[in-house]
């Protein structure tokens, strides 16, 4: 079982002016979704996952990412790192647990440890906006959080494919109602693991969930954001599109732009 290393505090400069850190940071690697027009606003989202990225964990974080509106963590990151990002940027954060994170689920029946259904409820851990099979809206963006990975060794935050299908089934009525009312059930699905057959691996630990492909079709989000699968070669595919949903592996960090109605 991997444990998170202690994250040292970087040297920090004096707090810059608002004009300084609300700049154009992150434009070069931004992944856009939607088209611009006068009735739309742009929301910029900093996504992190799996490894402490020194471009983010830096005394220059405000200069690079000061124009970010929302922070998303796809799991397997130290709480100290996420707390640093949220406090330095002073922006809301939403996160999901990865398979190497502590188990912060709240069980309501005798089934646990990734076996069967344990009707998890939303719970914040260390003020990091933790989501577990729930929806939250921050900075005008609605996010469905799906924690954990495929069950492979009985550890925490692991789910069998059947268990995840049951959870997706329980979410379906609310998602369908939201889609009928709003056109899409949520703006973003934030998960630790990828959908089956998209960015996933061949070993059981890194296999994706088949239920996620069905959830994407049902919810019709602008983005499906995930981590879990490490990317060491810049030539590796990190983005895919399925039915109008951009599926993005945000290993390390990634900046997304979302066009929304004002």
C-alpha atoms as a PDB file:
ATOM      1  CA  UNK A   1       0.000   0.000   0.000  1.00  0.00           C
ATOM      2  CA  UNK A   2       1.533   3.292  -1.082  1.00  0.00           C
ATOM      3  CA  UNK A   3       1.594   6.132   1.410  1.00  0.00           C
ATOM      4  CA  UNK A   4       1.837   9.787   0.546  1.00  0.00           C
ATOM      5  CA  UNK A   5       5.258  11.333   1.202  1.00  0.00           C
ATOM      6  CA  UNK A   6       5.439  14.351   3.454  1.00  0.00           C
ATOM      7  CA  UNK A   7       5.130  17.487   1.352  1.00  0.00           C
ATOM      8  CA  UNK A   8       7.557  20.246   2.389  1.00  0.00           C
ATOM      9  CA  UNK A   9       6.439  23.859   2.213  1.00  0.00           C
ATOM     10  CA  UNK A  10       7.999  25.823  -0.657  1.00  0.00           C
ATOM     11  CA  UNK A  11       9.392  29.322  -0.089  1.00  0.00           C
ATOM     12  CA  UNK A  12       6.604  31.792  -0.759  1.00  0.00           C
ATOM     13  CA  UNK A  13       6.855  35.391  -1.974  1.00  0.00           C
ATOM     14  CA  UNK A  14       4.899  38.312  -0.491  1.00  0.00           C
ATOM     15  CA  UNK A  15       1.226  38.277  -1.481  1.00  0.00           C
ATOM     16  CA  UNK A  16       1.014  39.931  -4.922  1.00  0.00           C
ATOM     17  CA  UNK A  17      -1.667  42.363  -5.935  1.00  0.00           C
ATOM     18  CA  UNK A  18      -4.924  41.078  -7.398  1.00  0.00           C
ATOM     19  CA  UNK A  19      -3.944  42.530 -10.779  1.00  0.00           C
ATOM     20  CA  UNK A  20      -0.729  40.475 -10.689  1.00  0.00           C
ATOM     21  CA  UNK A  21      -2.173  37.054 -10.037  1.00  0.00           C
ATOM     22  CA  UNK A  22      -5.368  37.343 -12.045  1.00  0.00           C
ATOM     23  CA  UNK A  23      -3.412  37.057 -15.282  1.00  0.00           C
ATOM     24  CA  UNK A  24      -3.292  34.678 -18.234  1.00  0.00           C
ATOM     25  CA  UNK A  25      -1.637  31.715 -16.490  1.00  0.00           C
ATOM     26  CA  UNK A  26      -2.375  28.266 -17.864  1.00  0.00           C
ATOM     27  CA  UNK A  27      -3.450  29.368 -21.339  1.00  0.00           C
ATOM     28  CA  UNK A  28      -0.885  27.220 -23.116  1.00  0.00           C
ATOM     29  CA  UNK A  29      -2.151  23.900 -21.765  1.00  0.00           C
ATOM     30  CA  UNK A  30      -5.837  24.739 -21.428  1.00  0.00           C
ATOM     31  CA  UNK A  31      -8.313  22.227 -22.832  1.00  0.00           C
ATOM     32  CA  UNK A  32     -11.390  24.160 -24.044  1.00  0.00           C
ATOM     33  CA  UNK A  33     -14.976  22.997 -24.272  1.00  0.00           C
ATOM     34  CA  UNK A  34     -17.736  24.957 -25.991  1.00  0.00           C
ATOM     35  CA  UNK A  35     -17.741  28.051 -28.175  1.00  0.00           C
ATOM     36  CA  UNK A  36     -17.564  31.689 -27.146  1.00  0.00           C
ATOM     37  CA  UNK A  37     -20.393  34.168 -27.648  1.00  0.00           C
ATOM     38  CA  UNK A  38     -21.731  37.227 -25.869  1.00  0.00           C
ATOM     39  CA  UNK A  39     -24.103  35.191 -23.720  1.00  0.00           C
ATOM     40  CA  UNK A  40     -21.385  32.917 -22.351  1.00  0.00           C
ATOM     41  CA  UNK A  41     -18.769  33.135 -19.630  1.00  0.00           C
ATOM     42  CA  UNK A  42     -15.493  31.219 -19.407  1.00  0.00           C
ATOM     43  CA  UNK A  43     -14.720  29.162 -16.296  1.00  0.00           C
ATOM     44  CA  UNK A  44     -11.113  28.015 -15.878  1.00  0.00           C
ATOM     45  CA  UNK A  45     -10.504  24.848 -13.885  1.00  0.00           C
ATOM     46  CA  UNK A  46      -7.202  23.579 -12.493  1.00  0.00           C
ATOM     47  CA  UNK A  47      -7.230  19.777 -12.296  1.00  0.00           C
ATOM     48  CA  UNK A  48      -4.622  17.750 -10.404  1.00  0.00           C
ATOM     49  CA  UNK A  49      -4.106  14.035  -9.796  1.00  0.00           C
ATOM     50  CA  UNK A  50      -1.716  11.329  -8.616  1.00  0.00           C
ATOM     51  CA  UNK A  51       1.597  13.198  -8.293  1.00  0.00           C
ATOM     52  CA  UNK A  52       2.734  16.438  -6.683  1.00  0.00           C
ATOM     53  CA  UNK A  53       3.461  18.679  -9.675  1.00  0.00           C
ATOM     54  CA  UNK A  54       6.236  21.211  -9.029  1.00  0.00           C
ATOM     55  CA  UNK A  55       4.721  23.614 -11.549  1.00  0.00           C
ATOM     56  CA  UNK A  56       1.747  23.799  -9.174  1.00  0.00           C
ATOM     57  CA  UNK A  57       3.512  23.313  -5.839  1.00  0.00           C
ATOM     58  CA  UNK A  58       5.544  26.456  -6.300  1.00  0.00           C
ATOM     59  CA  UNK A  59       5.952  29.966  -4.945  1.00  0.00           C
ATOM     60  CA  UNK A  60       4.864  31.098  -8.453  1.00  0.00           C
ATOM     61  CA  UNK A  61       1.471  29.386  -8.255  1.00  0.00           C
ATOM     62  CA  UNK A  62      -0.449  32.675  -8.275  1.00  0.00           C
ATOM     63  CA  UNK A  63       1.381  33.930 -11.328  1.00  0.00           C
ATOM     64  CA  UNK A  64       0.739  30.679 -13.210  1.00  0.00           C
ATOM     65  CA  UNK A  65      -2.803  29.905 -12.078  1.00  0.00           C
ATOM     66  CA  UNK A  66      -4.191  33.092 -10.571  1.00  0.00           C
ATOM     67  CA  UNK A  67      -7.077  33.261 -13.061  1.00  0.00           C
ATOM     68  CA  UNK A  68      -8.409  29.831 -12.073  1.00  0.00           C
ATOM     69  CA  UNK A  69     -12.044  29.708 -10.891  1.00  0.00           C
ATOM     70  CA  UNK A  70     -12.207  26.139  -9.528  1.00  0.00           C
ATOM     71  CA  UNK A  71      -9.836  23.376  -8.401  1.00  0.00           C
ATOM     72  CA  UNK A  72     -10.537  19.669  -8.992  1.00  0.00           C
ATOM     73  CA  UNK A  73      -8.519  16.775  -7.565  1.00  0.00           C
ATOM     74  CA  UNK A  74      -8.917  13.327  -9.119  1.00  0.00           C
ATOM     75  CA  UNK A  75      -7.303  11.590  -6.150  1.00  0.00           C
ATOM     76  CA  UNK A  76      -4.110  10.057  -4.757  1.00  0.00           C
ATOM     77  CA  UNK A  77      -2.689  13.361  -3.537  1.00  0.00           C
ATOM     78  CA  UNK A  78      -1.591  14.484  -0.053  1.00  0.00           C
ATOM     79  CA  UNK A  79      -4.029  16.696   1.806  1.00  0.00           C
ATOM     80  CA  UNK A  80      -1.237  19.176   2.495  1.00  0.00           C
ATOM     81  CA  UNK A  81      -0.710  19.649  -1.235  1.00  0.00           C
ATOM     82  CA  UNK A  82      -4.398  20.206  -1.943  1.00  0.00           C
ATOM     83  CA  UNK A  83      -4.663  22.555   1.014  1.00  0.00           C
ATOM     84  CA  UNK A  84      -1.718  24.556  -0.318  1.00  0.00           C
ATOM     85  CA  UNK A  85      -3.360  24.938  -3.737  1.00  0.00           C
ATOM     86  CA  UNK A  86      -6.748  25.951  -2.323  1.00  0.00           C
ATOM     87  CA  UNK A  87      -5.319  28.444   0.159  1.00  0.00           C
ATOM     88  CA  UNK A  88      -2.806  30.043  -2.213  1.00  0.00           C
ATOM     89  CA  UNK A  89      -5.366  30.489  -5.009  1.00  0.00           C
ATOM     90  CA  UNK A  90      -8.266  31.142  -2.615  1.00  0.00           C
ATOM     91  CA  UNK A  91     -10.623  29.175  -4.833  1.00  0.00           C
ATOM     92  CA  UNK A  92     -13.148  26.402  -4.076  1.00  0.00           C
ATOM     93  CA  UNK A  93     -11.923  22.815  -4.353  1.00  0.00           C
ATOM     94  CA  UNK A  94     -13.702  19.538  -5.078  1.00  0.00           C
ATOM     95  CA  UNK A  95     -11.906  16.201  -4.742  1.00  0.00           C
ATOM     96  CA  UNK A  96     -12.477  12.467  -4.907  1.00  0.00           C
ATOM     97  CA  UNK A  97     -10.572   9.712  -3.105  1.00  0.00           C
ATOM     98  CA  UNK A  98      -8.105   7.548  -4.996  1.00  0.00           C
ATOM     99  CA  UNK A  99      -7.141   3.986  -4.147  1.00  0.00           C
ATOM    100  CA  UNK A 100      -4.085   5.251  -2.226  1.00  0.00           C
ATOM    101  CA  UNK A 101      -6.028   7.820  -0.196  1.00  0.00           C
ATOM    102  CA  UNK A 102      -7.422   7.156   3.302  1.00  0.00           C
ATOM    103  CA  UNK A 103     -10.879   5.606   3.419  1.00  0.00           C
ATOM    104  CA  UNK A 104     -13.336   8.402   4.214  1.00  0.00           C
ATOM    105  CA  UNK A 105     -16.529   6.625   3.251  1.00  0.00           C
ATOM    106  CA  UNK A 106     -19.466   6.481   5.644  1.00  0.00           C
ATOM    107  CA  UNK A 107     -20.979   3.006   5.548  1.00  0.00           C
ATOM    108  CA  UNK A 108     -24.684   2.558   6.170  1.00  0.00           C
ATOM    109  CA  UNK A 109     -24.769  -1.206   6.098  1.00  0.00           C
ATOM    110  CA  UNK A 110     -22.541  -4.174   6.863  1.00  0.00           C
ATOM    111  CA  UNK A 111     -20.906  -4.317   3.456  1.00  0.00           C
ATOM    112  CA  UNK A 112     -17.620  -2.444   3.139  1.00  0.00           C
ATOM    113  CA  UNK A 113     -14.122  -2.644   1.721  1.00  0.00           C
ATOM    114  CA  UNK A 114     -15.291  -2.316  -1.878  1.00  0.00           C
ATOM    115  CA  UNK A 115     -17.527  -5.393  -1.754  1.00  0.00           C
ATOM    116  CA  UNK A 116     -21.212  -4.926  -2.444  1.00  0.00           C
ATOM    117  CA  UNK A 117     -23.027  -1.631  -1.815  1.00  0.00           C
ATOM    118  CA  UNK A 118     -22.225   0.624   1.122  1.00  0.00           C
ATOM    119  CA  UNK A 119     -24.425   3.639   0.241  1.00  0.00           C
ATOM    120  CA  UNK A 120     -21.722   6.243   0.716  1.00  0.00           C
ATOM    121  CA  UNK A 121     -22.603   9.821   1.577  1.00  0.00           C
ATOM    122  CA  UNK A 122     -20.761  13.047   0.862  1.00  0.00           C
ATOM    123  CA  UNK A 123     -18.202  13.993   3.480  1.00  0.00           C
ATOM    124  CA  UNK A 124     -15.500  16.637   3.580  1.00  0.00           C
ATOM    125  CA  UNK A 125     -12.037  15.575   4.734  1.00  0.00           C
ATOM    126  CA  UNK A 126      -9.716  18.335   5.939  1.00  0.00           C
ATOM    127  CA  UNK A 127     -11.873  20.929   4.182  1.00  0.00           C
ATOM    128  CA  UNK A 128     -10.949  19.574   0.758  1.00  0.00           C
ATOM    129  CA  UNK A 129     -14.448  19.336  -0.699  1.00  0.00           C
ATOM    130  CA  UNK A 130     -14.458  15.538  -0.823  1.00  0.00           C
ATOM    131  CA  UNK A 131     -17.273  14.031  -2.905  1.00  0.00           C
ATOM    132  CA  UNK A 132     -18.384  10.413  -2.843  1.00  0.00           C
ATOM    133  CA  UNK A 133     -21.201   9.479  -5.244  1.00  0.00           C
ATOM    134  CA  UNK A 134     -22.733  12.919  -4.821  1.00  0.00           C
ATOM    135  CA  UNK A 135     -23.153  16.198  -6.717  1.00  0.00           C
ATOM    136  CA  UNK A 136     -21.874  19.607  -5.695  1.00  0.00           C
ATOM    137  CA  UNK A 137     -21.923  22.990  -7.396  1.00  0.00           C
ATOM    138  CA  UNK A 138     -18.978  25.377  -7.035  1.00  0.00           C
ATOM    139  CA  UNK A 139     -18.103  28.451  -9.100  1.00  0.00           C
ATOM    140  CA  UNK A 140     -21.285  27.801 -11.083  1.00  0.00           C
ATOM    141  CA  UNK A 141     -20.051  24.339 -12.151  1.00  0.00           C
ATOM    142  CA  UNK A 142     -21.935  21.177 -11.122  1.00  0.00           C
ATOM    143  CA  UNK A 143     -19.696  18.172 -10.414  1.00  0.00           C
ATOM    144  CA  UNK A 144     -20.491  14.499  -9.784  1.00  0.00           C
ATOM    145  CA  UNK A 145     -17.756  12.817  -7.729  1.00  0.00           C
ATOM    146  CA  UNK A 146     -16.900   9.134  -8.211  1.00  0.00           C
ATOM    147  CA  UNK A 147     -14.114   7.848  -5.935  1.00  0.00           C
ATOM    148  CA  UNK A 148     -11.856   4.825  -6.058  1.00  0.00           C
ATOM    149  CA  UNK A 149     -10.507   2.251  -8.472  1.00  0.00           C
ATOM    150  CA  UNK A 150     -11.243  -1.292  -9.595  1.00  0.00           C
ATOM    151  CA  UNK A 151     -11.119  -3.847  -6.757  1.00  0.00           C
ATOM    152  CA  UNK A 152      -7.757  -5.600  -6.996  1.00  0.00           C
ATOM    153  CA  UNK A 153      -6.401  -6.394  -3.526  1.00  0.00           C
ATOM    154  CA  UNK A 154      -9.259  -5.684  -1.092  1.00  0.00           C
ATOM    155  CA  UNK A 155      -7.885  -2.302  -0.032  1.00  0.00           C
ATOM    156  CA  UNK A 156      -9.819   0.873   0.704  1.00  0.00           C
ATOM    157  CA  UNK A 157     -11.550   2.907  -1.993  1.00  0.00           C
ATOM    158  CA  UNK A 158     -11.768  -0.110  -4.301  1.00  0.00           C
ATOM    159  CA  UNK A 159     -14.939  -1.334  -5.991  1.00  0.00           C
ATOM    160  CA  UNK A 160     -15.856  -4.326  -8.084  1.00  0.00           C
ATOM    161  CA  UNK A 161     -17.296  -3.601 -11.507  1.00  0.00           C
ATOM    162  CA  UNK A 162     -20.642  -4.965 -10.314  1.00  0.00           C
ATOM    163  CA  UNK A 163     -20.582  -2.742  -7.228  1.00  0.00           C
ATOM    164  CA  UNK A 164     -19.938   0.335  -9.345  1.00  0.00           C
ATOM    165  CA  UNK A 165     -22.804  -0.596 -11.665  1.00  0.00           C
ATOM    166  CA  UNK A 166     -25.133  -0.711  -8.648  1.00  0.00           C
ATOM    167  CA  UNK A 167     -24.002   2.725  -7.542  1.00  0.00           C
ATOM    168  CA  UNK A 168     -24.528   4.079 -11.050  1.00  0.00           C
ATOM    169  CA  UNK A 169     -28.024   2.608 -11.034  1.00  0.00           C
ATOM    170  CA  UNK A 170     -28.789   4.388  -7.750  1.00  0.00           C
ATOM    171  CA  UNK A 171     -27.590   7.699  -9.205  1.00  0.00           C
ATOM    172  CA  UNK A 172     -29.584   7.306 -12.434  1.00  0.00           C
ATOM    173  CA  UNK A 173     -32.986   8.759 -11.357  1.00  0.00           C
ATOM    174  CA  UNK A 174     -31.467  12.010 -10.082  1.00  0.00           C
ATOM    175  CA  UNK A 175     -29.194  12.352 -13.094  1.00  0.00           C
ATOM    176  CA  UNK A 176     -32.027  11.724 -15.523  1.00  0.00           C
ATOM    177  CA  UNK A 177     -34.228  14.331 -13.810  1.00  0.00           C
ATOM    178  CA  UNK A 178     -31.424  16.901 -13.890  1.00  0.00           C
ATOM    179  CA  UNK A 179     -30.746  16.232 -17.564  1.00  0.00           C
ATOM    180  CA  UNK A 180     -34.400  16.659 -18.487  1.00  0.00           C
ATOM    181  CA  UNK A 181     -34.520  19.970 -16.599  1.00  0.00           C
ATOM    182  CA  UNK A 182     -31.119  21.395 -17.508  1.00  0.00           C
ATOM    183  CA  UNK A 183     -30.053  19.689 -20.751  1.00  0.00           C
ATOM    184  CA  UNK A 184     -27.162  17.951 -18.981  1.00  0.00           C
ATOM    185  CA  UNK A 185     -27.185  16.246 -15.602  1.00  0.00           C
ATOM    186  CA  UNK A 186     -23.863  17.733 -14.490  1.00  0.00           C
ATOM    187  CA  UNK A 187     -21.175  19.847 -16.095  1.00  0.00           C
ATOM    188  CA  UNK A 188     -18.311  17.574 -15.021  1.00  0.00           C
ATOM    189  CA  UNK A 189     -17.925  13.994 -13.808  1.00  0.00           C
ATOM    190  CA  UNK A 190     -14.861  13.849 -11.571  1.00  0.00           C
ATOM    191  CA  UNK A 191     -13.542  10.316 -11.036  1.00  0.00           C
ATOM    192  CA  UNK A 192     -10.299   8.709  -9.965  1.00  0.00           C
ATOM    193  CA  UNK A 193     -10.430   5.822 -12.445  1.00  0.00           C
ATOM    194  CA  UNK A 194     -11.143   6.098 -16.190  1.00  0.00           C
ATOM    195  CA  UNK A 195     -14.021   4.546 -18.135  1.00  0.00           C
ATOM    196  CA  UNK A 196     -13.469   1.028 -19.425  1.00  0.00           C
ATOM    197  CA  UNK A 197     -11.544   1.028 -22.683  1.00  0.00           C
ATOM    198  CA  UNK A 198     -10.580   4.727 -22.542  1.00  0.00           C
ATOM    199  CA  UNK A 199      -7.137   5.596 -21.144  1.00  0.00           C
ATOM    200  CA  UNK A 200      -7.238   2.510 -18.883  1.00  0.00           C
ATOM    201  CA  UNK A 201      -4.615  -0.205 -18.416  1.00  0.00           C
ATOM    202  CA  UNK A 202      -4.536  -3.942 -18.936  1.00  0.00           C
ATOM    203  CA  UNK A 203      -3.739  -4.847 -15.304  1.00  0.00           C
ATOM    204  CA  UNK A 204      -6.737  -5.187 -13.027  1.00  0.00           C
ATOM    205  CA  UNK A 205      -5.777  -2.257 -10.809  1.00  0.00           C
ATOM    206  CA  UNK A 206      -5.835   0.178 -13.721  1.00  0.00           C
ATOM    207  CA  UNK A 207      -8.831  -1.198 -15.598  1.00  0.00           C
ATOM    208  CA  UNK A 208     -11.659   1.282 -16.088  1.00  0.00           C
ATOM    209  CA  UNK A 209     -15.293   0.876 -15.060  1.00  0.00           C
ATOM    210  CA  UNK A 210     -17.868  -0.109 -17.675  1.00  0.00           C
ATOM    211  CA  UNK A 211     -20.530   1.778 -15.705  1.00  0.00           C
ATOM    212  CA  UNK A 212     -18.759   5.065 -16.410  1.00  0.00           C
ATOM    213  CA  UNK A 213     -19.410   4.798 -20.133  1.00  0.00           C
ATOM    214  CA  UNK A 214     -23.112   4.450 -19.393  1.00  0.00           C
ATOM    215  CA  UNK A 215     -23.022   7.376 -16.942  1.00  0.00           C
ATOM    216  CA  UNK A 216     -21.399   9.569 -19.585  1.00  0.00           C
ATOM    217  CA  UNK A 217     -24.231   8.845 -22.015  1.00  0.00           C
ATOM    218  CA  UNK A 218     -26.853   9.483 -19.321  1.00  0.00           C
ATOM    219  CA  UNK A 219     -25.387  12.624 -17.768  1.00  0.00           C
ATOM    220  CA  UNK A 220     -23.925  14.182 -20.966  1.00  0.00           C
ATOM    221  CA  UNK A 221     -21.276  16.211 -19.088  1.00  0.00           C
ATOM    222  CA  UNK A 222     -18.922  18.600 -20.828  1.00  0.00           C
ATOM    223  CA  UNK A 223     -15.940  16.824 -19.222  1.00  0.00           C
ATOM    224  CA  UNK A 224     -15.173  13.460 -17.661  1.00  0.00           C
ATOM    225  CA  UNK A 225     -12.044  14.122 -15.595  1.00  0.00           C
ATOM    226  CA  UNK A 226      -9.938  11.272 -14.198  1.00  0.00           C
ATOM    227  CA  UNK A 227      -6.451  10.345 -13.029  1.00  0.00           C
ATOM    228  CA  UNK A 228      -5.133   6.970 -11.786  1.00  0.00           C
ATOM    229  CA  UNK A 229      -3.293   6.089 -15.019  1.00  0.00           C
ATOM    230  CA  UNK A 230       0.126   7.705 -14.892  1.00  0.00           C
ATOM    231  CA  UNK A 231       1.435   9.415 -18.017  1.00  0.00           C
ATOM    232  CA  UNK A 232       5.215   9.548 -18.476  1.00  0.00           C
ATOM    233  CA  UNK A 233       5.378  10.163 -22.223  1.00  0.00           C
ATOM    234  CA  UNK A 234       4.004  13.449 -23.563  1.00  0.00           C
ATOM    235  CA  UNK A 235       3.052  11.621 -26.754  1.00  0.00           C
ATOM    236  CA  UNK A 236       0.540   9.432 -24.895  1.00  0.00           C
ATOM    237  CA  UNK A 237      -3.104  10.196 -25.568  1.00  0.00           C
ATOM    238  CA  UNK A 238      -4.645  12.111 -22.661  1.00  0.00           C
ATOM    239  CA  UNK A 239      -7.880  13.302 -24.258  1.00  0.00           C
ATOM    240  CA  UNK A 240     -10.737  11.530 -25.993  1.00  0.00           C
ATOM    241  CA  UNK A 241     -14.259  12.473 -27.027  1.00  0.00           C
ATOM    242  CA  UNK A 242     -17.366  10.380 -26.593  1.00  0.00           C
ATOM    243  CA  UNK A 243     -20.725  11.811 -27.631  1.00  0.00           C
ATOM    244  CA  UNK A 244     -19.727  15.415 -27.001  1.00  0.00           C
ATOM    245  CA  UNK A 245     -18.013  14.682 -23.666  1.00  0.00           C
ATOM    246  CA  UNK A 246     -14.287  15.374 -23.439  1.00  0.00           C
ATOM    247  CA  UNK A 247     -12.593  12.613 -21.404  1.00  0.00           C
ATOM    248  CA  UNK A 248      -9.335  13.942 -19.952  1.00  0.00           C
ATOM    249  CA  UNK A 249      -6.590  12.233 -17.965  1.00  0.00           C
ATOM    250  CA  UNK A 250      -5.342  15.006 -15.654  1.00  0.00           C
ATOM    251  CA  UNK A 251      -2.305  13.174 -14.227  1.00  0.00           C
ATOM    252  CA  UNK A 252       0.012  15.825 -12.791  1.00  0.00           C
ATOM    253  CA  UNK A 253      -2.007  18.899 -13.686  1.00  0.00           C
ATOM    254  CA  UNK A 254      -4.224  20.128 -16.473  1.00  0.00           C
ATOM    255  CA  UNK A 255      -6.155  23.365 -17.039  1.00  0.00           C
ATOM    256  CA  UNK A 256      -9.633  23.076 -18.554  1.00  0.00           C
ATOM    257  CA  UNK A 257     -11.835  25.879 -19.872  1.00  0.00           C
ATOM    258  CA  UNK A 258     -15.606  25.554 -19.807  1.00  0.00           C
ATOM    259  CA  UNK A 259     -17.960  27.917 -21.628  1.00  0.00           C
ATOM    260  CA  UNK A 260     -21.181  28.397 -19.649  1.00  0.00           C
ATOM    261  CA  UNK A 261     -24.239  30.619 -19.865  1.00  0.00           C
ATOM    262  CA  UNK A 262     -23.976  33.811 -17.826  1.00  0.00           C
END
